[in-house]
Amino acid sequence: MATVINTTSPNRFHNVSDAALADMLGAADVVAKAAKAELDALKAELQRRKLTSVAGAKFLVTCTEQLSARLDTDAVRKFLGVEACKFEVPSISNVIRVKVSPALALAA
């Protein structure tokens, strides 16, 4: 008789409770949003200075224009009418939203 062996390696969160996981995710979300705000401000300053290539002690940063063509889906739907639905493909994605817990919001 064969013995079933669990070969799944536990990840670093396997021992974290659901509530602690929510708190960890919320804390990481706050850090990520602060980092994104800082990154956006730095990028805006690079563009404001009209710099195209800058070498620092640790990083080389370049800024170039990129042209991207997008399909105007509203115009395509208007042009094709109901026939447009033949070409629509559903996509499934997971959405995770992080909100401050009500208890923490009341304390603030």
PDB file of N, CA and C in Angstrom:
ATOM      1  N   MET A   1       0.850  -1.177   0.000  1.00  0.00           N
ATOM      2  CA  MET A   1       0.000   0.000   0.000  1.00  0.00           C
ATOM      3  C   MET A   1       0.892   1.236   0.000  1.00  0.00           C
ATOM      4  N   ALA A   2       0.574   2.185  -0.872  1.00  0.00           N
ATOM      5  CA  ALA A   2       1.380   3.398  -1.005  1.00  0.00           C
ATOM      6  C   ALA A   2       1.070   4.372   0.118  1.00  0.00           C
ATOM      7  N   THR A   3       2.098   5.075   0.529  1.00  0.00           N
ATOM      8  CA  THR A   3       1.938   6.095   1.555  1.00  0.00           C
ATOM      9  C   THR A   3       1.934   7.461   0.883  1.00  0.00           C
ATOM     10  N   VAL A   4       0.948   8.278   1.196  1.00  0.00           N
ATOM     11  CA  VAL A   4       0.863   9.624   0.631  1.00  0.00           C
ATOM     12  C   VAL A   4       1.792  10.531   1.418  1.00  0.00           C
ATOM     13  N   ILE A   5       2.668  11.197   0.687  1.00  0.00           N
ATOM     14  CA  ILE A   5       3.600  12.131   1.316  1.00  0.00           C
ATOM     15  C   ILE A   5       3.268  13.530   0.817  1.00  0.00           C
ATOM     16  N   ASN A   6       3.067  14.441   1.733  1.00  0.00           N
ATOM     17  CA  ASN A   6       2.794  15.828   1.364  1.00  0.00           C
ATOM     18  C   ASN A   6       4.111  16.481   0.966  1.00  0.00           C
ATOM     19  N   THR A   7       4.223  16.804  -0.332  1.00  0.00           N
ATOM     20  CA  THR A   7       5.453  17.425  -0.829  1.00  0.00           C
ATOM     21  C   THR A   7       5.327  18.934  -0.959  1.00  0.00           C
ATOM     22  N   THR A   8       4.198  19.474  -0.537  1.00  0.00           N
ATOM     23  CA  THR A   8       3.993  20.919  -0.611  1.00  0.00           C
ATOM     24  C   THR A   8       4.800  21.600   0.484  1.00  0.00           C
ATOM     25  N   SER A   9       5.665  22.501   0.074  1.00  0.00           N
ATOM     26  CA  SER A   9       6.453  23.246   1.056  1.00  0.00           C
ATOM     27  C   SER A   9       5.595  24.349   1.647  1.00  0.00           C
ATOM     28  N   PRO A  10       5.572  24.478   2.951  1.00  0.00           N
ATOM     29  CA  PRO A  10       4.800  25.575   3.532  1.00  0.00           C
ATOM     30  C   PRO A  10       5.458  26.909   3.182  1.00  0.00           C
ATOM     31  N   ASN A  11       4.628  27.883   2.854  1.00  0.00           N
ATOM     32  CA  ASN A  11       5.197  29.205   2.596  1.00  0.00           C
ATOM     33  C   ASN A  11       5.362  29.938   3.920  1.00  0.00           C
ATOM     34  N   ARG A  12       5.884  31.128   3.869  1.00  0.00           N
ATOM     35  CA  ARG A  12       6.184  31.836   5.118  1.00  0.00           C
ATOM     36  C   ARG A  12       4.939  32.310   5.859  1.00  0.00           C
ATOM     37  N   PHE A  13       3.774  32.171   5.250  1.00  0.00           N
ATOM     38  CA  PHE A  13       2.539  32.611   5.896  1.00  0.00           C
ATOM     39  C   PHE A  13       1.686  31.436   6.378  1.00  0.00           C
ATOM     40  N   HIS A  14       2.169  30.222   6.253  1.00  0.00           N
ATOM     41  CA  HIS A  14       1.341  29.055   6.554  1.00  0.00           C
ATOM     42  C   HIS A  14       0.888  29.000   8.009  1.00  0.00           C
ATOM     43  N   ASN A  15       1.597  29.656   8.885  1.00  0.00           N
ATOM     44  CA  ASN A  15       1.270  29.610  10.306  1.00  0.00           C
ATOM     45  C   ASN A  15       0.615  30.907  10.790  1.00  0.00           C
ATOM     46  N   VAL A  16       0.213  31.756   9.862  1.00  0.00           N
ATOM     47  CA  VAL A  16      -0.375  33.058  10.199  1.00  0.00           C
ATOM     48  C   VAL A  16      -1.894  32.926  10.193  1.00  0.00           C
ATOM     49  N   SER A  17      -2.542  33.459  11.211  1.00  0.00           N
ATOM     50  CA  SER A  17      -4.009  33.404  11.268  1.00  0.00           C
ATOM     51  C   SER A  17      -4.601  34.292  10.178  1.00  0.00           C
ATOM     52  N   ASP A  18      -5.877  34.082   9.878  1.00  0.00           N
ATOM     53  CA  ASP A  18      -6.552  34.889   8.863  1.00  0.00           C
ATOM     54  C   ASP A  18      -6.542  36.368   9.236  1.00  0.00           C
ATOM     55  N   ALA A  19      -6.814  36.668  10.505  1.00  0.00           N
ATOM     56  CA  ALA A  19      -6.842  38.061  10.965  1.00  0.00           C
ATOM     57  C   ALA A  19      -5.456  38.691  10.862  1.00  0.00           C
ATOM     58  N   ALA A  20      -4.429  37.943  11.246  1.00  0.00           N
ATOM     59  CA  ALA A  20      -3.064  38.464  11.151  1.00  0.00           C
ATOM     60  C   ALA A  20      -2.669  38.665   9.695  1.00  0.00           C
ATOM     61  N   LEU A  21      -3.132  37.769   8.812  1.00  0.00           N
ATOM     62  CA  LEU A  21      -2.855  37.916   7.382  1.00  0.00           C
ATOM     63  C   LEU A  21      -3.473  39.200   6.843  1.00  0.00           C
ATOM     64  N   ALA A  22      -4.703  39.495   7.269  1.00  0.00           N
ATOM     65  CA  ALA A  22      -5.369  40.736   6.852  1.00  0.00           C
ATOM     66  C   ALA A  22      -4.584  41.950   7.331  1.00  0.00           C
ATOM     67  N   ASP A  23      -4.116  41.915   8.576  1.00  0.00           N
ATOM     68  CA  ASP A  23      -3.337  43.033   9.111  1.00  0.00           C
ATOM     69  C   ASP A  23      -2.002  43.180   8.392  1.00  0.00           C
ATOM     70  N   MET A  24      -1.358  42.061   8.087  1.00  0.00           N
ATOM     71  CA  MET A  24      -0.082  42.113   7.368  1.00  0.00           C
ATOM     72  C   MET A  24      -0.278  42.678   5.963  1.00  0.00           C
ATOM     73  N   LEU A  25      -1.349  42.250   5.302  1.00  0.00           N
ATOM     74  CA  LEU A  25      -1.651  42.750   3.964  1.00  0.00           C
ATOM     75  C   LEU A  25      -1.944  44.246   4.002  1.00  0.00           C
ATOM     76  N   GLY A  26      -2.715  44.677   4.986  1.00  0.00           N
ATOM     77  CA  GLY A  26      -3.020  46.102   5.124  1.00  0.00           C
ATOM     78  C   GLY A  26      -1.775  46.932   5.372  1.00  0.00           C
ATOM     79  N   ALA A  27      -0.888  46.444   6.234  1.00  0.00           N
ATOM     80  CA  ALA A  27       0.354  47.169   6.525  1.00  0.00           C
ATOM     81  C   ALA A  27       1.239  47.248   5.287  1.00  0.00           C
ATOM     82  N   ALA A  28       1.335  46.151   4.543  1.00  0.00           N
ATOM     83  CA  ALA A  28       2.135  46.152   3.315  1.00  0.00           C
ATOM     84  C   ALA A  28       1.527  47.085   2.274  1.00  0.00           C
ATOM     85  N   ASP A  29       0.197  47.150   2.237  1.00  0.00           N
ATOM     86  CA  ASP A  29      -0.497  48.034   1.304  1.00  0.00           C
ATOM     87  C   ASP A  29      -0.178  49.496   1.598  1.00  0.00           C
ATOM     88  N   VAL A  30      -0.146  49.860   2.879  1.00  0.00           N
ATOM     89  CA  VAL A  30       0.193  51.234   3.274  1.00  0.00           C
ATOM     90  C   VAL A  30       1.615  51.580   2.829  1.00  0.00           C
ATOM     91  N   VAL A  31       2.548  50.660   3.055  1.00  0.00           N
ATOM     92  CA  VAL A  31       3.945  50.881   2.659  1.00  0.00           C
ATOM     93  C   VAL A  31       4.048  51.011   1.141  1.00  0.00           C
ATOM     94  N   ALA A  32       3.354  50.130   0.412  1.00  0.00           N
ATOM     95  CA  ALA A  32       3.404  50.158  -1.049  1.00  0.00           C
ATOM     96  C   ALA A  32       2.833  51.458  -1.605  1.00  0.00           C
ATOM     97  N   LYS A  33       1.732  51.930  -1.013  1.00  0.00           N
ATOM     98  CA  LYS A  33       1.128  53.178  -1.491  1.00  0.00           C
ATOM     99  C   LYS A  33       2.025  54.372  -1.205  1.00  0.00           C
ATOM    100  N   ALA A  34       2.697  54.376  -0.071  1.00  0.00           N
ATOM    101  CA  ALA A  34       3.638  55.458   0.239  1.00  0.00           C
ATOM    102  C   ALA A  34       4.817  55.416  -0.726  1.00  0.00           C
ATOM    103  N   ALA A  35       5.318  54.220  -1.007  1.00  0.00           N
ATOM    104  CA  ALA A  35       6.428  54.081  -1.951  1.00  0.00           C
ATOM    105  C   ALA A  35       5.995  54.513  -3.348  1.00  0.00           C
ATOM    106  N   LYS A  36       4.763  54.182  -3.743  1.00  0.00           N
ATOM    107  CA  LYS A  36       4.245  54.582  -5.061  1.00  0.00           C
ATOM    108  C   LYS A  36       4.138  56.089  -5.153  1.00  0.00           C
ATOM    109  N   ALA A  37       3.679  56.741  -4.098  1.00  0.00           N
ATOM    110  CA  ALA A  37       3.576  58.202  -4.093  1.00  0.00           C
ATOM    111  C   ALA A  37       4.958  58.834  -4.238  1.00  0.00           C
ATOM    112  N   GLU A  38       5.946  58.287  -3.533  1.00  0.00           N
ATOM    113  CA  GLU A  38       7.319  58.794  -3.625  1.00  0.00           C
ATOM    114  C   GLU A  38       7.878  58.557  -5.024  1.00  0.00           C
ATOM    115  N   LEU A  39       7.633  57.389  -5.586  1.00  0.00           N
ATOM    116  CA  LEU A  39       8.107  57.059  -6.924  1.00  0.00           C
ATOM    117  C   LEU A  39       7.484  57.988  -7.960  1.00  0.00           C
ATOM    118  N   ASP A  40       6.189  58.236  -7.853  1.00  0.00           N
ATOM    119  CA  ASP A  40       5.507  59.136  -8.784  1.00  0.00           C
ATOM    120  C   ASP A  40       6.064  60.552  -8.694  1.00  0.00           C
ATOM    121  N   ALA A  41       6.347  61.030  -7.480  1.00  0.00           N
ATOM    122  CA  ALA A  41       6.912  62.372  -7.301  1.00  0.00           C
ATOM    123  C   ALA A  41       8.308  62.459  -7.915  1.00  0.00           C
ATOM    124  N   LEU A  42       9.113  61.423  -7.728  1.00  0.00           N
ATOM    125  CA  LEU A  42      10.464  61.408  -8.297  1.00  0.00           C
ATOM    126  C   LEU A  42      10.419  61.364  -9.821  1.00  0.00           C
ATOM    127  N   LYS A  43       9.521  60.576 -10.379  1.00  0.00           N
ATOM    128  CA  LYS A  43       9.378  60.508 -11.836  1.00  0.00           C
ATOM    129  C   LYS A  43       8.922  61.852 -12.399  1.00  0.00           C
ATOM    130  N   ALA A  44       7.992  62.502 -11.709  1.00  0.00           N
ATOM    131  CA  ALA A  44       7.505  63.810 -12.153  1.00  0.00           C
ATOM    132  C   ALA A  44       8.635  64.832 -12.154  1.00  0.00           C
ATOM    133  N   GLU A  45       9.498  64.781 -11.146  1.00  0.00           N
ATOM    134  CA  GLU A  45      10.631  65.712 -11.082  1.00  0.00           C
ATOM    135  C   GLU A  45      11.625  65.435 -12.205  1.00  0.00           C
ATOM    136  N   LEU A  46      11.871  64.170 -12.505  1.00  0.00           N
ATOM    137  CA  LEU A  46      12.761  63.805 -13.610  1.00  0.00           C
ATOM    138  C   LEU A  46      12.217  64.367 -14.920  1.00  0.00           C
ATOM    139  N   GLN A  47      10.921  64.239 -15.129  1.00  0.00           N
ATOM    140  CA  GLN A  47      10.298  64.761 -16.344  1.00  0.00           C
ATOM    141  C   GLN A  47      10.273  66.283 -16.348  1.00  0.00           C
ATOM    142  N   ARG A  48      10.035  66.893 -15.191  1.00  0.00           N
ATOM    143  CA  ARG A  48      10.013  68.355 -15.114  1.00  0.00           C
ATOM    144  C   ARG A  48      11.358  68.934 -15.510  1.00  0.00           C
ATOM    145  N   ARG A  49      12.435  68.242 -15.121  1.00  0.00           N
ATOM    146  CA  ARG A  49      13.786  68.690 -15.467  1.00  0.00           C
ATOM    147  C   ARG A  49      14.173  68.338 -16.900  1.00  0.00           C
ATOM    148  N   LYS A  50      13.296  67.607 -17.581  1.00  0.00           N
ATOM    149  CA  LYS A  50      13.529  67.190 -18.962  1.00  0.00           C
ATOM    150  C   LYS A  50      14.822  66.379 -19.111  1.00  0.00           C
ATOM    151  N   LEU A  51      15.102  65.538 -18.124  1.00  0.00           N
ATOM    152  CA  LEU A  51      16.289  64.685 -18.160  1.00  0.00           C
ATOM    153  C   LEU A  51      15.971  63.428 -18.968  1.00  0.00           C
ATOM    154  N   THR A  52      16.901  63.018 -19.819  1.00  0.00           N
ATOM    155  CA  THR A  52      16.689  61.811 -20.612  1.00  0.00           C
ATOM    156  C   THR A  52      17.566  60.652 -20.150  1.00  0.00           C
ATOM    157  N   SER A  53      18.709  60.955 -19.540  1.00  0.00           N
ATOM    158  CA  SER A  53      19.590  59.912 -19.030  1.00  0.00           C
ATOM    159  C   SER A  53      20.418  60.487 -17.891  1.00  0.00           C
ATOM    160  N   VAL A  54      20.360  59.837 -16.748  1.00  0.00           N
ATOM    161  CA  VAL A  54      21.098  60.309 -15.575  1.00  0.00           C
ATOM    162  C   VAL A  54      21.751  59.107 -14.905  1.00  0.00           C
ATOM    163  N   ALA A  55      23.052  59.227 -14.622  1.00  0.00           N
ATOM    164  CA  ALA A  55      23.771  58.165 -13.926  1.00  0.00           C
ATOM    165  C   ALA A  55      24.060  58.628 -12.508  1.00  0.00           C
ATOM    166  N   GLY A  56      23.566  57.866 -11.551  1.00  0.00           N
ATOM    167  CA  GLY A  56      23.884  58.126 -10.157  1.00  0.00           C
ATOM    168  C   GLY A  56      24.979  57.175  -9.714  1.00  0.00           C
ATOM    169  N   ALA A  57      25.261  57.153  -8.434  1.00  0.00           N
ATOM    170  CA  ALA A  57      26.283  56.246  -7.908  1.00  0.00           C
ATOM    171  C   ALA A  57      25.811  54.792  -7.964  1.00  0.00           C
ATOM    172  N   LYS A  58      24.490  54.565  -7.891  1.00  0.00           N
ATOM    173  CA  LYS A  58      23.967  53.197  -7.843  1.00  0.00           C
ATOM    174  C   LYS A  58      23.078  52.821  -9.022  1.00  0.00           C
ATOM    175  N   PHE A  59      22.474  53.802  -9.665  1.00  0.00           N
ATOM    176  CA  PHE A  59      21.502  53.497 -10.709  1.00  0.00           C
ATOM    177  C   PHE A  59      21.676  54.408 -11.912  1.00  0.00           C
ATOM    178  N   LEU A  60      21.303  53.892 -13.083  1.00  0.00           N
ATOM    179  CA  LEU A  60      21.211  54.676 -14.307  1.00  0.00           C
ATOM    180  C   LEU A  60      19.727  54.773 -14.632  1.00  0.00           C
ATOM    181  N   VAL A  61      19.244  55.987 -14.823  1.00  0.00           N
ATOM    182  CA  VAL A  61      17.829  56.202 -15.102  1.00  0.00           C
ATOM    183  C   VAL A  61      17.704  56.862 -16.463  1.00  0.00           C
ATOM    184  N   THR A  62      16.816  56.330 -17.297  1.00  0.00           N
ATOM    185  CA  THR A  62      16.552  56.939 -18.594  1.00  0.00           C
ATOM    186  C   THR A  62      15.071  57.269 -18.690  1.00  0.00           C
ATOM    187  N   CYS A  63      14.769  58.272 -19.465  1.00  0.00           N
ATOM    188  CA  CYS A  63      13.389  58.689 -19.671  1.00  0.00           C
ATOM    189  C   CYS A  63      13.201  58.906 -21.166  1.00  0.00           C
ATOM    190  N   THR A  64      12.362  58.095 -21.778  1.00  0.00           N
ATOM    191  CA  THR A  64      12.107  58.211 -23.211  1.00  0.00           C
ATOM    192  C   THR A  64      10.608  58.232 -23.450  1.00  0.00           C
ATOM    193  N   GLU A  65      10.214  58.809 -24.587  1.00  0.00           N
ATOM    194  CA  GLU A  65       8.811  58.791 -24.974  1.00  0.00           C
ATOM    195  C   GLU A  65       8.509  57.469 -25.643  1.00  0.00           C
ATOM    196  N   GLN A  66       7.332  56.979 -25.408  1.00  0.00           N
ATOM    197  CA  GLN A  66       6.918  55.726 -26.031  1.00  0.00           C
ATOM    198  C   GLN A  66       5.527  55.922 -26.593  1.00  0.00           C
ATOM    199  N   LEU A  67       5.341  55.584 -27.846  1.00  0.00           N
ATOM    200  CA  LEU A  67       4.042  55.705 -28.490  1.00  0.00           C
ATOM    201  C   LEU A  67       3.332  54.367 -28.398  1.00  0.00           C
ATOM    202  N   SER A  68       2.095  54.411 -28.007  1.00  0.00           N
ATOM    203  CA  SER A  68       1.317  53.189 -27.868  1.00  0.00           C
ATOM    204  C   SER A  68      -0.020  53.390 -28.560  1.00  0.00           C
ATOM    205  N   ALA A  69      -0.390  52.463 -29.416  1.00  0.00           N
ATOM    206  CA  ALA A  69      -1.677  52.541 -30.103  1.00  0.00           C
ATOM    207  C   ALA A  69      -2.682  51.675 -29.357  1.00  0.00           C
ATOM    208  N   ARG A  70      -3.787  52.244 -29.021  1.00  0.00           N
ATOM    209  CA  ARG A  70      -4.847  51.522 -28.315  1.00  0.00           C
ATOM    210  C   ARG A  70      -6.090  51.469 -29.200  1.00  0.00           C
ATOM    211  N   LEU A  71      -6.837  50.430 -29.047  1.00  0.00           N
ATOM    212  CA  LEU A  71      -8.069  50.279 -29.794  1.00  0.00           C
ATOM    213  C   LEU A  71      -9.194  50.988 -29.043  1.00  0.00           C
ATOM    214  N   ASP A  72      -9.914  51.834 -29.739  1.00  0.00           N
ATOM    215  CA  ASP A  72     -11.051  52.535 -29.148  1.00  0.00           C
ATOM    216  C   ASP A  72     -12.243  51.573 -29.149  1.00  0.00           C
ATOM    217  N   THR A  73     -12.418  50.867 -28.058  1.00  0.00           N
ATOM    218  CA  THR A  73     -13.450  49.828 -28.006  1.00  0.00           C
ATOM    219  C   THR A  73     -14.866  50.396 -28.129  1.00  0.00           C
ATOM    220  N   ASP A  74     -15.073  51.604 -27.628  1.00  0.00           N
ATOM    221  CA  ASP A  74     -16.402  52.209 -27.764  1.00  0.00           C
ATOM    222  C   ASP A  74     -16.726  52.460 -29.232  1.00  0.00           C
ATOM    223  N   ALA A  75     -15.739  52.946 -29.996  1.00  0.00           N
ATOM    224  CA  ALA A  75     -15.945  53.190 -31.424  1.00  0.00           C
ATOM    225  C   ALA A  75     -16.165  51.877 -32.174  1.00  0.00           C
ATOM    226  N   VAL A  76     -15.434  50.830 -31.795  1.00  0.00           N
ATOM    227  CA  VAL A  76     -15.608  49.517 -32.433  1.00  0.00           C
ATOM    228  C   VAL A  76     -17.004  48.984 -32.154  1.00  0.00           C
ATOM    229  N   ARG A  77     -17.459  49.096 -30.910  1.00  0.00           N
ATOM    230  CA  ARG A  77     -18.810  48.629 -30.565  1.00  0.00           C
ATOM    231  C   ARG A  77     -19.875  49.422 -31.325  1.00  0.00           C
ATOM    232  N   LYS A  78     -19.638  50.715 -31.455  1.00  0.00           N
ATOM    233  CA  LYS A  78     -20.594  51.559 -32.176  1.00  0.00           C
ATOM    234  C   LYS A  78     -20.624  51.169 -33.654  1.00  0.00           C
ATOM    235  N   PHE A  79     -19.457  50.890 -34.225  1.00  0.00           N
ATOM    236  CA  PHE A  79     -19.345  50.531 -35.638  1.00  0.00           C
ATOM    237  C   PHE A  79     -19.944  49.151 -35.913  1.00  0.00           C
ATOM    238  N   LEU A  80     -19.633  48.172 -35.074  1.00  0.00           N
ATOM    239  CA  LEU A  80     -20.091  46.802 -35.295  1.00  0.00           C
ATOM    240  C   LEU A  80     -21.472  46.517 -34.713  1.00  0.00           C
ATOM    241  N   GLY A  81     -21.899  47.327 -33.775  1.00  0.00           N
ATOM    242  CA  GLY A  81     -23.191  47.098 -33.140  1.00  0.00           C
ATOM    243  C   GLY A  81     -23.185  45.817 -32.333  1.00  0.00           C
ATOM    244  N   VAL A  82     -24.276  45.050 -32.431  1.00  0.00           N
ATOM    245  CA  VAL A  82     -24.379  43.818 -31.646  1.00  0.00           C
ATOM    246  C   VAL A  82     -23.384  42.759 -32.098  1.00  0.00           C
ATOM    247  N   GLU A  83     -22.854  42.883 -33.299  1.00  0.00           N
ATOM    248  CA  GLU A  83     -21.866  41.923 -33.808  1.00  0.00           C
ATOM    249  C   GLU A  83     -20.568  41.980 -33.003  1.00  0.00           C
ATOM    250  N   ALA A  84     -20.336  43.081 -32.310  1.00  0.00           N
ATOM    251  CA  ALA A  84     -19.096  43.238 -31.535  1.00  0.00           C
ATOM    252  C   ALA A  84     -18.982  42.183 -30.448  1.00  0.00           C
ATOM    253  N   CYS A  85     -20.113  41.714 -29.932  1.00  0.00           N
ATOM    254  CA  CYS A  85     -20.067  40.741 -28.839  1.00  0.00           C
ATOM    255  C   CYS A  85     -19.446  39.417 -29.274  1.00  0.00           C
ATOM    256  N   LYS A  86     -19.392  39.143 -30.574  1.00  0.00           N
ATOM    257  CA  LYS A  86     -18.748  37.924 -31.073  1.00  0.00           C
ATOM    258  C   LYS A  86     -17.255  37.917 -30.775  1.00  0.00           C
ATOM    259  N   PHE A  87     -16.677  39.096 -30.649  1.00  0.00           N
ATOM    260  CA  PHE A  87     -15.235  39.221 -30.482  1.00  0.00           C
ATOM    261  C   PHE A  87     -14.820  39.517 -29.043  1.00  0.00           C
ATOM    262  N   GLU A  88     -15.796  39.601 -28.162  1.00  0.00           N
ATOM    263  CA  GLU A  88     -15.483  39.871 -26.762  1.00  0.00           C
ATOM    264  C   GLU A  88     -15.144  38.571 -26.050  1.00  0.00           C
ATOM    265  N   VAL A  89     -14.062  38.611 -25.293  1.00  0.00           N
ATOM    266  CA  VAL A  89     -13.613  37.442 -24.548  1.00  0.00           C
ATOM    267  C   VAL A  89     -13.611  37.808 -23.067  1.00  0.00           C
ATOM    268  N   PRO A  90     -14.325  37.039 -22.250  1.00  0.00           N
ATOM    269  CA  PRO A  90     -14.333  37.369 -20.819  1.00  0.00           C
ATOM    270  C   PRO A  90     -12.973  37.079 -20.181  1.00  0.00           C
ATOM    271  N   SER A  91     -12.628  37.890 -19.241  1.00  0.00           N
ATOM    272  CA  SER A  91     -11.401  37.632 -18.481  1.00  0.00           C
ATOM    273  C   SER A  91     -11.752  37.665 -17.001  1.00  0.00           C
ATOM    274  N   ILE A  92     -11.190  36.729 -16.282  1.00  0.00           N
ATOM    275  CA  ILE A  92     -11.456  36.621 -14.849  1.00  0.00           C
ATOM    276  C   ILE A  92     -10.210  37.065 -14.104  1.00  0.00           C
ATOM    277  N   SER A  93     -10.395  37.934 -13.149  1.00  0.00           N
ATOM    278  CA  SER A  93      -9.265  38.386 -12.338  1.00  0.00           C
ATOM    279  C   SER A  93      -9.709  38.484 -10.883  1.00  0.00           C
ATOM    280  N   ASN A  94      -8.750  38.368 -10.011  1.00  0.00           N
ATOM    281  CA  ASN A  94      -9.021  38.524  -8.583  1.00  0.00           C
ATOM    282  C   ASN A  94      -8.783  39.969  -8.194  1.00  0.00           C
ATOM    283  N   VAL A  95      -9.680  40.501  -7.414  1.00  0.00           N
ATOM    284  CA  VAL A  95      -9.551  41.870  -6.933  1.00  0.00           C
ATOM    285  C   VAL A  95      -9.466  41.819  -5.415  1.00  0.00           C
ATOM    286  N   ILE A  96      -8.402  42.383  -4.875  1.00  0.00           N
ATOM    287  CA  ILE A  96      -8.241  42.444  -3.421  1.00  0.00           C
ATOM    288  C   ILE A  96      -8.282  43.909  -3.019  1.00  0.00           C
ATOM    289  N   ARG A  97      -9.212  44.246  -2.163  1.00  0.00           N
ATOM    290  CA  ARG A  97      -9.325  45.623  -1.686  1.00  0.00           C
ATOM    291  C   ARG A  97      -8.939  45.650  -0.214  1.00  0.00           C
ATOM    292  N   VAL A  98      -8.210  46.667   0.162  1.00  0.00           N
ATOM    293  CA  VAL A  98      -7.766  46.805   1.549  1.00  0.00           C
ATOM    294  C   VAL A  98      -8.420  48.048   2.124  1.00  0.00           C
ATOM    295  N   LYS A  99      -9.108  47.888   3.237  1.00  0.00           N
ATOM    296  CA  LYS A  99      -9.756  49.008   3.920  1.00  0.00           C
ATOM    297  C   LYS A  99      -9.337  48.981   5.378  1.00  0.00           C
ATOM    298  N   VAL A 100      -9.340  50.133   5.997  1.00  0.00           N
ATOM    299  CA  VAL A 100      -9.037  50.218   7.423  1.00  0.00           C
ATOM    300  C   VAL A 100     -10.182  49.573   8.186  1.00  0.00           C
ATOM    301  N   SER A 101      -9.854  48.778   9.195  1.00  0.00           N
ATOM    302  CA  SER A 101     -10.900  48.108   9.970  1.00  0.00           C
ATOM    303  C   SER A 101     -11.726  49.158  10.712  1.00  0.00           C
ATOM    304  N   PRO A 102     -13.016  48.911  10.896  1.00  0.00           N
ATOM    305  CA  PRO A 102     -13.880  49.887  11.576  1.00  0.00           C
ATOM    306  C   PRO A 102     -13.371  50.284  12.960  1.00  0.00           C
ATOM    307  N   ALA A 103     -12.822  49.338  13.702  1.00  0.00           N
ATOM    308  CA  ALA A 103     -12.316  49.649  15.046  1.00  0.00           C
ATOM    309  C   ALA A 103     -11.152  50.631  14.973  1.00  0.00           C
ATOM    310  N   LEU A 104     -10.282  50.451  14.006  1.00  0.00           N
ATOM    311  CA  LEU A 104      -9.136  51.340  13.846  1.00  0.00           C
ATOM    312  C   LEU A 104      -9.580  52.707  13.337  1.00  0.00           C
ATOM    313  N   ALA A 105     -10.580  52.721  12.466  1.00  0.00           N
ATOM    314  CA  ALA A 105     -11.092  53.982  11.938  1.00  0.00           C
ATOM    315  C   ALA A 105     -11.722  54.820  13.045  1.00  0.00           C
ATOM    316  N   LEU A 106     -12.411  54.180  13.974  1.00  0.00           N
ATOM    317  CA  LEU A 106     -13.027  54.905  15.086  1.00  0.00           C
ATOM    318  C   LEU A 106     -11.980  55.479  16.030  1.00  0.00           C
ATOM    319  N   ALA A 107     -10.863  54.786  16.174  1.00  0.00           N
ATOM    320  CA  ALA A 107      -9.800  55.244  17.074  1.00  0.00           C
ATOM    321  C   ALA A 107      -9.069  56.457  16.510  1.00  0.00           C
ATOM    322  N   ALA A 108      -9.113  56.633  15.207  1.00  0.00           N
ATOM    323  CA  ALA A 108      -8.370  57.732  14.569  1.00  0.00           C
ATOM    324  C   ALA A 108      -9.039  59.053  14.685  1.00  0.00           C
TER     325      ALA A 108
END
